[in-house]
PDB file of N, CA and C in Angstrom:
ATOM      1  N   MET A   1     108.859  85.333 111.228  1.00  0.00           N
ATOM      2  CA  MET A   1     109.124  84.626 110.044  1.00  0.00           C
ATOM      3  C   MET A   1     108.879  83.151 110.264  1.00  0.00           C
ATOM      4  N   ALA A   2     108.013  82.592 109.389  1.00  0.00           N
ATOM      5  CA  ALA A   2     107.797  81.127 109.499  1.00  0.00           C
ATOM      6  C   ALA A   2     108.995  80.247 108.945  1.00  0.00           C
ATOM      7  N   SER A   3     109.403  79.291 109.690  1.00  0.00           N
ATOM      8  CA  SER A   3     110.566  78.549 109.157  1.00  0.00           C
ATOM      9  C   SER A   3     110.217  77.893 107.810  1.00  0.00           C
ATOM     10  N   ALA A   4     111.264  77.998 106.951  1.00  0.00           N
ATOM     11  CA  ALA A   4     111.217  77.321 105.600  1.00  0.00           C
ATOM     12  C   ALA A   4     110.220  78.150 104.702  1.00  0.00           C
ATOM     13  N   CYS A   5     109.732  79.257 104.963  1.00  0.00           N
ATOM     14  CA  CYS A   5     108.772  79.893 104.101  1.00  0.00           C
ATOM     15  C   CYS A   5     109.558  80.742 103.044  1.00  0.00           C
ATOM     16  N   LEU A   6     109.428  80.419 101.945  1.00  0.00           N
ATOM     17  CA  LEU A   6     110.149  81.052 100.733  1.00  0.00           C
ATOM     18  C   LEU A   6     109.922  82.561 100.769  1.00  0.00           C
ATOM     19  N   PHE A   7     108.675  83.056 100.922  1.00  0.00           N
ATOM     20  CA  PHE A   7     108.335  84.459 100.850  1.00  0.00           C
ATOM     21  C   PHE A   7     108.863  85.157 102.162  1.00  0.00           C
ATOM     22  N   CYS A   8     108.851  84.495 103.315  1.00  0.00           N
ATOM     23  CA  CYS A   8     109.531  85.074 104.404  1.00  0.00           C
ATOM     24  C   CYS A   8     111.036  85.281 104.271  1.00  0.00           C
ATOM     25  N   GLY A   9     111.638  84.464 103.470  1.00  0.00           N
ATOM     26  CA  GLY A   9     113.060  84.476 103.093  1.00  0.00           C
ATOM     27  C   GLY A   9     113.245  85.741 102.283  1.00  0.00           C
ATOM     28  N   ILE A  10     112.316  85.955 101.280  1.00  0.00           N
ATOM     29  CA  ILE A  10     112.455  87.085 100.322  1.00  0.00           C
ATOM     30  C   ILE A  10     112.303  88.372 101.156  1.00  0.00           C
ATOM     31  N   VAL A  11     111.371  88.379 102.161  1.00  0.00           N
ATOM     32  CA  VAL A  11     111.030  89.599 102.958  1.00  0.00           C
ATOM     33  C   VAL A  11     112.236  89.900 103.708  1.00  0.00           C
ATOM     34  N   ALA A  12     112.869  88.826 104.216  1.00  0.00           N
ATOM     35  CA  ALA A  12     114.115  89.038 105.114  1.00  0.00           C
ATOM     36  C   ALA A  12     115.321  89.372 104.395  1.00  0.00           C
ATOM     37  N   GLY A  13     115.337  89.224 102.988  1.00  0.00           N
ATOM     38  CA  GLY A  13     116.464  89.478 102.258  1.00  0.00           C
ATOM     39  C   GLY A  13     117.359  88.297 102.083  1.00  0.00           C
ATOM     40  N   ASP A  14     116.966  87.208 102.595  1.00  0.00           N
ATOM     41  CA  ASP A  14     117.890  85.995 102.565  1.00  0.00           C
ATOM     42  C   ASP A  14     117.730  85.205 101.290  1.00  0.00           C
ATOM     43  N   VAL A  15     116.639  85.432 100.507  1.00  0.00           N
ATOM     44  CA  VAL A  15     116.320  84.727  99.245  1.00  0.00           C
ATOM     45  C   VAL A  15     116.274  85.851  98.181  1.00  0.00           C
ATOM     46  N   PRO A  16     117.052  85.797  97.107  1.00  0.00           N
ATOM     47  CA  PRO A  16     116.963  86.860  96.112  1.00  0.00           C
ATOM     48  C   PRO A  16     115.741  86.839  95.343  1.00  0.00           C
ATOM     49  N   ALA A  17     115.285  88.089  95.051  1.00  0.00           N
ATOM     50  CA  ALA A  17     114.110  88.369  94.183  1.00  0.00           C
ATOM     51  C   ALA A  17     114.297  89.758  93.645  1.00  0.00           C
ATOM     52  N   GLU A  18     113.587  89.954  92.597  1.00  0.00           N
ATOM     53  CA  GLU A  18     113.554  91.372  91.908  1.00  0.00           C
ATOM     54  C   GLU A  18     112.490  92.068  92.430  1.00  0.00           C
ATOM     55  N   ILE A  19     112.844  92.860  93.615  1.00  0.00           N
ATOM     56  CA  ILE A  19     111.935  93.635  94.440  1.00  0.00           C
ATOM     57  C   ILE A  19     111.550  94.934  93.485  1.00  0.00           C
ATOM     58  N   VAL A  20     110.197  95.117  93.511  1.00  0.00           N
ATOM     59  CA  VAL A  20     109.839  96.397  92.682  1.00  0.00           C
ATOM     60  C   VAL A  20     109.242  97.469  93.694  1.00  0.00           C
ATOM     61  N   ARG A  21     108.980  97.059  94.911  1.00  0.00           N
ATOM     62  CA  ARG A  21     108.414  97.952  95.845  1.00  0.00           C
ATOM     63  C   ARG A  21     108.421  97.424  97.274  1.00  0.00           C
ATOM     64  N   THR A  22     108.758  98.224  98.212  1.00  0.00           N
ATOM     65  CA  THR A  22     108.511  97.854  99.539  1.00  0.00           C
ATOM     66  C   THR A  22     108.070  99.000 100.457  1.00  0.00           C
ATOM     67  N   ASP A  23     107.350  98.772 101.419  1.00  0.00           N
ATOM     68  CA  ASP A  23     106.958  99.700 102.333  1.00  0.00           C
ATOM     69  C   ASP A  23     106.869  99.055 103.806  1.00  0.00           C
ATOM     70  N   GLU A  24     106.330  99.759 104.725  1.00  0.00           N
ATOM     71  CA  GLU A  24     106.223  99.303 106.123  1.00  0.00           C
ATOM     72  C   GLU A  24     105.711  98.000 106.284  1.00  0.00           C
ATOM     73  N   LEU A  25     104.652  97.621 105.473  1.00  0.00           N
ATOM     74  CA  LEU A  25     103.927  96.312 105.715  1.00  0.00           C
ATOM     75  C   LEU A  25     104.068  95.359 104.569  1.00  0.00           C
ATOM     76  N   THR A  26     104.597  95.704 103.488  1.00  0.00           N
ATOM     77  CA  THR A  26     104.483  94.883 102.252  1.00  0.00           C
ATOM     78  C   THR A  26     105.916  94.836 101.489  1.00  0.00           C
ATOM     79  N   VAL A  27     106.083  93.719 100.651  1.00  0.00           N
ATOM     80  CA  VAL A  27     107.101  93.669  99.624  1.00  0.00           C
ATOM     81  C   VAL A  27     106.501  93.163  98.447  1.00  0.00           C
ATOM     82  N   ALA A  28     106.880  93.790  97.357  1.00  0.00           N
ATOM     83  CA  ALA A  28     106.322  93.454  96.023  1.00  0.00           C
ATOM     84  C   ALA A  28     107.550  92.929  95.014  1.00  0.00           C
ATOM     85  N   PHE A  29     107.403  91.841  94.447  1.00  0.00           N
ATOM     86  CA  PHE A  29     108.470  91.389  93.590  1.00  0.00           C
ATOM     87  C   PHE A  29     107.976  90.686  92.353  1.00  0.00           C
ATOM     88  N   ARG A  30     108.843  90.497  91.405  1.00  0.00           N
ATOM     89  CA  ARG A  30     108.368  90.003  90.036  1.00  0.00           C
ATOM     90  C   ARG A  30     108.410  88.427  90.292  1.00  0.00           C
ATOM     91  N   ASP A  31     107.283  87.876  89.640  1.00  0.00           N
ATOM     92  CA  ASP A  31     107.106  86.357  89.741  1.00  0.00           C
ATOM     93  C   ASP A  31     108.124  85.776  88.924  1.00  0.00           C
ATOM     94  N   ILE A  32     108.693  84.642  89.307  1.00  0.00           N
ATOM     95  CA  ILE A  32     109.637  83.926  88.426  1.00  0.00           C
ATOM     96  C   ILE A  32     109.076  83.164  87.334  1.00  0.00           C
ATOM     97  N   ASN A  33     107.698  82.952  87.334  1.00  0.00           N
ATOM     98  CA  ASN A  33     107.043  82.192  86.358  1.00  0.00           C
ATOM     99  C   ASN A  33     105.876  83.057  85.806  1.00  0.00           C
ATOM    100  N   PRO A  34     106.213  84.157  85.219  1.00  0.00           N
ATOM    101  CA  PRO A  34     105.070  85.137  84.859  1.00  0.00           C
ATOM    102  C   PRO A  34     103.990  84.478  84.016  1.00  0.00           C
ATOM    103  N   GLN A  35     102.815  85.006  84.344  1.00  0.00           N
ATOM    104  CA  GLN A  35     101.594  84.483  83.527  1.00  0.00           C
ATOM    105  C   GLN A  35     101.029  85.581  82.732  1.00  0.00           C
ATOM    106  N   ALA A  36     101.748  86.757  82.643  1.00  0.00           N
ATOM    107  CA  ALA A  36     101.331  88.023  81.952  1.00  0.00           C
ATOM    108  C   ALA A  36     102.633  88.750  81.722  1.00  0.00           C
ATOM    109  N   PRO A  37     102.615  89.779  80.693  1.00  0.00           N
ATOM    110  CA  PRO A  37     103.814  90.507  80.724  1.00  0.00           C
ATOM    111  C   PRO A  37     104.209  91.239  81.972  1.00  0.00           C
ATOM    112  N   LEU A  38     103.270  91.632  82.728  1.00  0.00           N
ATOM    113  CA  LEU A  38     103.557  92.173  84.180  1.00  0.00           C
ATOM    114  C   LEU A  38     102.865  91.169  85.112  1.00  0.00           C
ATOM    115  N   HIS A  39     103.733  90.726  85.979  1.00  0.00           N
ATOM    116  CA  HIS A  39     103.245  89.634  86.962  1.00  0.00           C
ATOM    117  C   HIS A  39     104.030  89.936  88.270  1.00  0.00           C
ATOM    118  N   VAL A  40     103.500  90.577  89.214  1.00  0.00           N
ATOM    119  CA  VAL A  40     104.135  90.802  90.464  1.00  0.00           C
ATOM    120  C   VAL A  40     103.340  90.346  91.550  1.00  0.00           C
ATOM    121  N   LEU A  41     104.115  89.795  92.530  1.00  0.00           N
ATOM    122  CA  LEU A  41     103.541  89.224  93.864  1.00  0.00           C
ATOM    123  C   LEU A  41     103.696  90.304  94.841  1.00  0.00           C
ATOM    124  N   ILE A  42     102.604  90.547  95.617  1.00  0.00           N
ATOM    125  CA  ILE A  42     102.750  91.404  96.726  1.00  0.00           C
ATOM    126  C   ILE A  42     102.463  90.658  98.050  1.00  0.00           C
ATOM    127  N   VAL A  43     103.347  90.770  98.922  1.00  0.00           N
ATOM    128  CA  VAL A  43     103.161  89.889 100.118  1.00  0.00           C
ATOM    129  C   VAL A  43     103.217  90.779 101.286  1.00  0.00           C
ATOM    130  N   PRO A  44     102.498  90.423 102.382  1.00  0.00           N
ATOM    131  CA  PRO A  44     102.674  91.079 103.730  1.00  0.00           C
ATOM    132  C   PRO A  44     104.158  90.658 104.397  1.00  0.00           C
ATOM    133  N   LYS A  45     104.684  91.635 105.013  1.00  0.00           N
ATOM    134  CA  LYS A  45     106.000  91.302 105.667  1.00  0.00           C
ATOM    135  C   LYS A  45     105.770  90.337 106.753  1.00  0.00           C
ATOM    136  N   ARG A  46     104.547  90.472 107.387  1.00  0.00           N
ATOM    137  CA  ARG A  46     104.117  89.530 108.448  1.00  0.00           C
ATOM    138  C   ARG A  46     103.624  88.064 107.801  1.00  0.00           C
ATOM    139  N   HIS A  47     104.073  87.050 108.392  1.00  0.00           N
ATOM    140  CA  HIS A  47     103.574  85.803 107.799  1.00  0.00           C
ATOM    141  C   HIS A  47     102.129  85.523 108.064  1.00  0.00           C
ATOM    142  N   ILE A  48     101.357  85.432 106.998  1.00  0.00           N
ATOM    143  CA  ILE A  48      99.940  85.042 107.228  1.00  0.00           C
ATOM    144  C   ILE A  48      99.798  83.873 106.174  1.00  0.00           C
ATOM    145  N   ALA A  49      99.288  82.755 106.619  1.00  0.00           N
ATOM    146  CA  ALA A  49      99.223  81.503 105.715  1.00  0.00           C
ATOM    147  C   ALA A  49      98.625  81.734 104.353  1.00  0.00           C
ATOM    148  N   ASN A  50      97.412  82.298 104.293  1.00  0.00           N
ATOM    149  CA  ASN A  50      96.721  82.449 102.988  1.00  0.00           C
ATOM    150  C   ASN A  50      95.424  83.205 103.380  1.00  0.00           C
ATOM    151  N   ALA A  51      94.803  83.497 102.246  1.00  0.00           N
ATOM    152  CA  ALA A  51      93.475  84.348 102.347  1.00  0.00           C
ATOM    153  C   ALA A  51      92.524  83.552 103.329  1.00  0.00           C
ATOM    154  N   ALA A  52      92.524  82.295 103.371  1.00  0.00           N
ATOM    155  CA  ALA A  52      91.520  81.641 104.221  1.00  0.00           C
ATOM    156  C   ALA A  52      91.792  81.847 105.689  1.00  0.00           C
ATOM    157  N   ALA A  53      92.955  82.104 106.053  1.00  0.00           N
ATOM    158  CA  ALA A  53      93.469  82.324 107.363  1.00  0.00           C
ATOM    159  C   ALA A  53      93.353  83.739 107.792  1.00  0.00           C
ATOM    160  N   VAL A  54      92.960  84.663 106.952  1.00  0.00           N
ATOM    161  CA  VAL A  54      92.770  86.143 107.334  1.00  0.00           C
ATOM    162  C   VAL A  54      91.751  86.241 108.393  1.00  0.00           C
ATOM    163  N   THR A  55      92.051  87.158 109.399  1.00  0.00           N
ATOM    164  CA  THR A  55      91.069  87.455 110.370  1.00  0.00           C
ATOM    165  C   THR A  55      90.978  88.954 110.443  1.00  0.00           C
ATOM    166  N   ALA A  56      90.098  89.428 111.197  1.00  0.00           N
ATOM    167  CA  ALA A  56      89.933  90.942 111.393  1.00  0.00           C
ATOM    168  C   ALA A  56      91.202  91.468 111.891  1.00  0.00           C
ATOM    169  N   ALA A  57      91.995  90.916 112.630  1.00  0.00           N
ATOM    170  CA  ALA A  57      93.242  91.425 113.120  1.00  0.00           C
ATOM    171  C   ALA A  57      94.249  91.730 111.913  1.00  0.00           C
ATOM    172  N   ASP A  58      94.001  91.023 110.865  1.00  0.00           N
ATOM    173  CA  ASP A  58      94.909  91.094 109.618  1.00  0.00           C
ATOM    174  C   ASP A  58      94.447  92.238 108.728  1.00  0.00           C
ATOM    175  N   ALA A  59      93.521  93.045 109.159  1.00  0.00           N
ATOM    176  CA  ALA A  59      92.914  94.049 108.129  1.00  0.00           C
ATOM    177  C   ALA A  59      93.963  94.991 107.619  1.00  0.00           C
ATOM    178  N   ALA A  60      94.821  95.531 108.535  1.00  0.00           N
ATOM    179  CA  ALA A  60      95.855  96.540 107.973  1.00  0.00           C
ATOM    180  C   ALA A  60      96.724  95.968 107.010  1.00  0.00           C
ATOM    181  N   ASP A  61      97.134  94.626 107.202  1.00  0.00           N
ATOM    182  CA  ASP A  61      98.096  93.989 106.246  1.00  0.00           C
ATOM    183  C   ASP A  61      97.314  93.688 104.868  1.00  0.00           C
ATOM    184  N   VAL A  62      96.158  93.309 104.916  1.00  0.00           N
ATOM    185  CA  VAL A  62      95.359  93.096 103.722  1.00  0.00           C
ATOM    186  C   VAL A  62      95.083  94.380 102.992  1.00  0.00           C
ATOM    187  N   ALA A  63      94.757  95.359 103.605  1.00  0.00           N
ATOM    188  CA  ALA A  63      94.652  96.776 103.049  1.00  0.00           C
ATOM    189  C   ALA A  63      95.898  97.294 102.441  1.00  0.00           C
ATOM    190  N   ALA A  64      96.897  97.026 103.146  1.00  0.00           N
ATOM    191  CA  ALA A  64      98.279  97.375 102.589  1.00  0.00           C
ATOM    192  C   ALA A  64      98.662  96.613 101.255  1.00  0.00           C
ATOM    193  N   LEU A  65      98.162  95.487 101.123  1.00  0.00           N
ATOM    194  CA  LEU A  65      98.521  94.646  99.881  1.00  0.00           C
ATOM    195  C   LEU A  65      97.631  95.404  98.708  1.00  0.00           C
ATOM    196  N   LEU A  66      96.465  95.823  98.987  1.00  0.00           N
ATOM    197  CA  LEU A  66      95.690  96.506  97.894  1.00  0.00           C
ATOM    198  C   LEU A  66      96.249  97.831  97.587  1.00  0.00           C
ATOM    199  N   VAL A  67      96.756  98.562  98.561  1.00  0.00           N
ATOM    200  CA  VAL A  67      97.324  99.919  98.259  1.00  0.00           C
ATOM    201  C   VAL A  67      98.741  99.777  97.485  1.00  0.00           C
ATOM    202  N   ALA A  68      99.539  98.664  97.824  1.00  0.00           N
ATOM    203  CA  ALA A  68     100.707  98.426  97.219  1.00  0.00           C
ATOM    204  C   ALA A  68     100.461  97.992  95.815  1.00  0.00           C
ATOM    205  N   ALA A  69      99.440  97.186  95.659  1.00  0.00           N
ATOM    206  CA  ALA A  69      99.211  96.783  94.344  1.00  0.00           C
ATOM    207  C   ALA A  69      98.765  97.943  93.377  1.00  0.00           C
ATOM    208  N   LYS A  70      97.957  98.904  93.799  1.00  0.00           N
ATOM    209  CA  LYS A  70      97.658 100.035  92.973  1.00  0.00           C
ATOM    210  C   LYS A  70      98.939 100.783  92.687  1.00  0.00           C
ATOM    211  N   ALA A  71      99.914 100.941  93.733  1.00  0.00           N
ATOM    212  CA  ALA A  71     101.051 101.698  93.538  1.00  0.00           C
ATOM    213  C   ALA A  71     101.884 101.174  92.431  1.00  0.00           C
ATOM    214  N   VAL A  72     101.920  99.712  92.491  1.00  0.00           N
ATOM    215  CA  VAL A  72     102.838  99.056  91.528  1.00  0.00           C
ATOM    216  C   VAL A  72     102.173  99.188  90.149  1.00  0.00           C
ATOM    217  N   ALA A  73     100.951  98.961  90.046  1.00  0.00           N
ATOM    218  CA  ALA A  73     100.293  99.073  88.866  1.00  0.00           C
ATOM    219  C   ALA A  73     100.449 100.480  88.114  1.00  0.00           C
ATOM    220  N   ASP A  74     100.462 101.560  88.935  1.00  0.00           N
ATOM    221  CA  ASP A  74     100.676 102.982  88.473  1.00  0.00           C
ATOM    222  C   ASP A  74     102.043 103.054  87.963  1.00  0.00           C
ATOM    223  N   GLU A  75     103.030 102.544  88.826  1.00  0.00           N
ATOM    224  CA  GLU A  75     104.544 102.576  88.459  1.00  0.00           C
ATOM    225  C   GLU A  75     104.715 101.842  87.213  1.00  0.00           C
ATOM    226  N   GLU A  76     104.068 100.785  86.976  1.00  0.00           N
ATOM    227  CA  GLU A  76     104.433  99.800  85.841  1.00  0.00           C
ATOM    228  C   GLU A  76     103.480 100.318  84.547  1.00  0.00           C
ATOM    229  N   GLY A  77     102.637 101.370  84.686  1.00  0.00           N
ATOM    230  CA  GLY A  77     101.911 101.896  83.557  1.00  0.00           C
ATOM    231  C   GLY A  77     100.792 101.127  83.170  1.00  0.00           C
ATOM    232  N   VAL A  78     100.184 100.331  84.082  1.00  0.00           N
ATOM    233  CA  VAL A  78      98.814  99.654  83.832  1.00  0.00           C
ATOM    234  C   VAL A  78      97.736 100.164  84.586  1.00  0.00           C
ATOM    235  N   GLY A  79      97.994 101.032  85.448  1.00  0.00           N
ATOM    236  CA  GLY A  79      97.018 101.585  86.430  1.00  0.00           C
ATOM    237  C   GLY A  79      96.011 102.706  85.805  1.00  0.00           C
ATOM    238  N   GLY A  80      96.257 103.197  84.682  1.00  0.00           N
ATOM    239  CA  GLY A  80      95.467 104.321  84.106  1.00  0.00           C
ATOM    240  C   GLY A  80      94.003 103.744  83.782  1.00  0.00           C
ATOM    241  N   GLU A  81      93.182 104.930  83.512  1.00  0.00           N
ATOM    242  CA  GLU A  81      91.767 104.457  83.116  1.00  0.00           C
ATOM    243  C   GLU A  81      91.743 103.732  81.779  1.00  0.00           C
ATOM    244  N   ASP A  82      92.688 103.922  80.940  1.00  0.00           N
ATOM    245  CA  ASP A  82      92.646 103.419  79.566  1.00  0.00           C
ATOM    246  C   ASP A  82      93.418 101.945  79.576  1.00  0.00           C
ATOM    247  N   ARG A  83      93.814 101.560  80.681  1.00  0.00           N
ATOM    248  CA  ARG A  83      94.532 100.227  80.820  1.00  0.00           C
ATOM    249  C   ARG A  83      93.757  99.348  81.828  1.00  0.00           C
ATOM    250  N   GLY A  84      94.433  98.510  82.571  1.00  0.00           N
ATOM    251  CA  GLY A  84      93.792  97.749  83.644  1.00  0.00           C
ATOM    252  C   GLY A  84      94.650  96.565  83.985  1.00  0.00           C
ATOM    253  N   TYR A  85      94.365  95.954  85.038  1.00  0.00           N
ATOM    254  CA  TYR A  85      95.085  94.818  85.666  1.00  0.00           C
ATOM    255  C   TYR A  85      94.126  93.879  86.422  1.00  0.00           C
ATOM    256  N   ARG A  86      94.646  92.800  86.666  1.00  0.00           N
ATOM    257  CA  ARG A  86      93.875  91.818  87.482  1.00  0.00           C
ATOM    258  C   ARG A  86      94.626  91.465  88.894  1.00  0.00           C
ATOM    259  N   LEU A  87      93.829  91.422  89.926  1.00  0.00           N
ATOM    260  CA  LEU A  87      94.415  91.005  91.291  1.00  0.00           C
ATOM    261  C   LEU A  87      93.749  89.627  91.604  1.00  0.00           C
ATOM    262  N   VAL A  88      94.712  88.734  92.058  1.00  0.00           N
ATOM    263  CA  VAL A  88      94.243  87.294  92.375  1.00  0.00           C
ATOM    264  C   VAL A  88      94.922  86.807  93.548  1.00  0.00           C
ATOM    265  N   PHE A  89      94.035  86.364  94.452  1.00  0.00           N
ATOM    266  CA  PHE A  89      94.498  85.513  95.655  1.00  0.00           C
ATOM    267  C   PHE A  89      94.279  84.075  95.264  1.00  0.00           C
ATOM    268  N   ASN A  90      95.263  83.107  95.253  1.00  0.00           N
ATOM    269  CA  ASN A  90      94.978  81.710  95.155  1.00  0.00           C
ATOM    270  C   ASN A  90      95.092  81.025  96.499  1.00  0.00           C
ATOM    271  N   VAL A  91      93.898  80.212  96.725  1.00  0.00           N
ATOM    272  CA  VAL A  91      93.877  79.581  98.119  1.00  0.00           C
ATOM    273  C   VAL A  91      93.870  78.063  97.980  1.00  0.00           C
ATOM    274  N   GLY A  92      94.815  77.270  98.451  1.00  0.00           N
ATOM    275  CA  GLY A  92      94.779  75.902  98.474  1.00  0.00           C
ATOM    276  C   GLY A  92      95.270  75.167  97.151  1.00  0.00           C
ATOM    277  N   PRO A  93      95.415  73.943  97.199  1.00  0.00           N
ATOM    278  CA  PRO A  93      95.986  73.049  96.107  1.00  0.00           C
ATOM    279  C   PRO A  93      95.046  73.190  94.916  1.00  0.00           C
ATOM    280  N   ASP A  94      93.785  73.325  95.060  1.00  0.00           N
ATOM    281  CA  ASP A  94      92.914  73.313  93.822  1.00  0.00           C
ATOM    282  C   ASP A  94      93.174  74.594  93.060  1.00  0.00           C
ATOM    283  N   ALA A  95      93.563  75.649  93.740  1.00  0.00           N
ATOM    284  CA  ALA A  95      93.842  76.871  92.987  1.00  0.00           C
ATOM    285  C   ALA A  95      95.369  77.033  92.621  1.00  0.00           C
ATOM    286  N   LEU A  96      96.110  75.892  92.730  1.00  0.00           N
ATOM    287  CA  LEU A  96      97.519  75.815  92.427  1.00  0.00           C
ATOM    288  C   LEU A  96      98.490  76.804  93.360  1.00  0.00           C
ATOM    289  N   ASN A  97      97.993  76.974  94.502  1.00  0.00           N
ATOM    290  CA  ASN A  97      98.721  77.812  95.538  1.00  0.00           C
ATOM    291  C   ASN A  97      99.898  77.006  95.936  1.00  0.00           C
ATOM    292  N   SER A  98     101.114  77.407  95.686  1.00  0.00           N
ATOM    293  CA  SER A  98     102.343  76.576  95.900  1.00  0.00           C
ATOM    294  C   SER A  98     103.160  77.187  97.101  1.00  0.00           C
ATOM    295  N   VAL A  99     102.893  78.345  97.511  1.00  0.00           N
ATOM    296  CA  VAL A  99     103.687  78.858  98.683  1.00  0.00           C
ATOM    297  C   VAL A  99     102.650  79.340  99.836  1.00  0.00           C
ATOM    298  N   ASP A 100     102.890  78.764 100.970  1.00  0.00           N
ATOM    299  CA  ASP A 100     101.978  79.032 102.052  1.00  0.00           C
ATOM    300  C   ASP A 100     102.316  80.346 102.749  1.00  0.00           C
ATOM    301  N   HIS A 101     102.167  81.450 102.145  1.00  0.00           N
ATOM    302  CA  HIS A 101     102.232  82.696 102.658  1.00  0.00           C
ATOM    303  C   HIS A 101     101.359  83.577 101.817  1.00  0.00           C
ATOM    304  N   LEU A 102     100.477  84.206 102.456  1.00  0.00           N
ATOM    305  CA  LEU A 102      99.622  85.167 101.786  1.00  0.00           C
ATOM    306  C   LEU A 102     100.231  85.983 100.671  1.00  0.00           C
ATOM    307  N   HIS A 103      99.796  85.937  99.482  1.00  0.00           N
ATOM    308  CA  HIS A 103     100.263  86.720  98.452  1.00  0.00           C
ATOM    309  C   HIS A 103      99.171  87.121  97.374  1.00  0.00           C
ATOM    310  N   LEU A 104      99.426  88.327  96.867  1.00  0.00           N
ATOM    311  CA  LEU A 104      98.508  88.847  95.876  1.00  0.00           C
ATOM    312  C   LEU A 104      99.233  88.867  94.507  1.00  0.00           C
ATOM    313  N   HIS A 105      98.605  88.328  93.586  1.00  0.00           N
ATOM    314  CA  HIS A 105      99.131  88.429  92.232  1.00  0.00           C
ATOM    315  C   HIS A 105      98.663  89.516  91.507  1.00  0.00           C
ATOM    316  N   LEU A 106      99.498  90.428  90.874  1.00  0.00           N
ATOM    317  CA  LEU A 106      99.185  91.684  90.149  1.00  0.00           C
ATOM    318  C   LEU A 106      99.622  91.208  88.606  1.00  0.00           C
ATOM    319  N   LEU A 107      98.602  91.158  87.800  1.00  0.00           N
ATOM    320  CA  LEU A 107      98.788  90.740  86.387  1.00  0.00           C
ATOM    321  C   LEU A 107      98.297  91.697  85.529  1.00  0.00           C
ATOM    322  N   GLY A 108      99.139  92.100  84.512  1.00  0.00           N
ATOM    323  CA  GLY A 108      98.729  93.159  83.646  1.00  0.00           C
ATOM    324  C   GLY A 108      99.612  93.121  82.375  1.00  0.00           C
ATOM    325  N   GLY A 109      99.352  94.142  81.416  1.00  0.00           N
ATOM    326  CA  GLY A 109     100.142  94.225  80.216  1.00  0.00           C
ATOM    327  C   GLY A 109      99.544  93.494  79.038  1.00  0.00           C
ATOM    328  N   ARG A 110      98.283  93.010  79.294  1.00  0.00           N
ATOM    329  CA  ARG A 110      97.575  92.272  78.097  1.00  0.00           C
ATOM    330  C   ARG A 110      96.181  92.237  78.557  1.00  0.00           C
ATOM    331  N   THR A 111      95.238  91.940  77.580  1.00  0.00           N
ATOM    332  CA  THR A 111      93.819  91.815  77.889  1.00  0.00           C
ATOM    333  C   THR A 111      93.529  90.464  78.321  1.00  0.00           C
ATOM    334  N   PHE A 112      92.719  90.390  79.303  1.00  0.00           N
ATOM    335  CA  PHE A 112      92.402  89.054  79.987  1.00  0.00           C
ATOM    336  C   PHE A 112      90.967  88.675  79.468  1.00  0.00           C
ATOM    337  N   ASP A 113      90.807  87.365  78.900  1.00  0.00           N
ATOM    338  CA  ASP A 113      89.610  86.891  78.440  1.00  0.00           C
ATOM    339  C   ASP A 113      88.726  86.368  79.670  1.00  0.00           C
ATOM    340  N   TRP A 114      87.534  86.392  79.557  1.00  0.00           N
ATOM    341  CA  TRP A 114      86.635  85.734  80.456  1.00  0.00           C
ATOM    342  C   TRP A 114      85.498  84.859  79.800  1.00  0.00           C
ATOM    343  N   PRO A 115      85.279  83.724  80.125  1.00  0.00           N
ATOM    344  CA  PRO A 115      85.976  82.988  81.292  1.00  0.00           C
ATOM    345  C   PRO A 115      87.371  82.519  80.823  1.00  0.00           C
ATOM    346  N   PRO A 116      88.234  82.296  81.870  1.00  0.00           N
ATOM    347  CA  PRO A 116      89.702  81.913  81.450  1.00  0.00           C
ATOM    348  C   PRO A 116      89.656  80.532  80.907  1.00  0.00           C
ATOM    349  N   GLY A 117      90.677  80.169  80.252  1.00  0.00           N
ATOM    350  CA  GLY A 117      90.949  78.830  79.879  1.00  0.00           C
ATOM    351  C   GLY A 117      90.773  78.613  78.318  1.00  0.00           C
TER     352      GLY A 117
END
């Protein structure tokens, strides 16, 4: 656990969050500032700073994030062929990343326009 890391606190159970799924390597919880009807963050239990810090040694953790995201999407009803969802990693201040712990945003429950904005 990285000291003062909000998401490490959630993983440890020291910081309250609405947990929707947990497994050996990940924890998924609802975002407190949702950007879509469904907005869940999936984090590795092991502290990794962000996607730019990922190395080959982190492969199992990163794969587990994707597997967990699919499971949450299916459980929340957006994973079917007639629906869909968006997965997003934000890296650094230009991307408005505010917590320095790797996390995958799962967004769904609405249609997403492209380009955004």
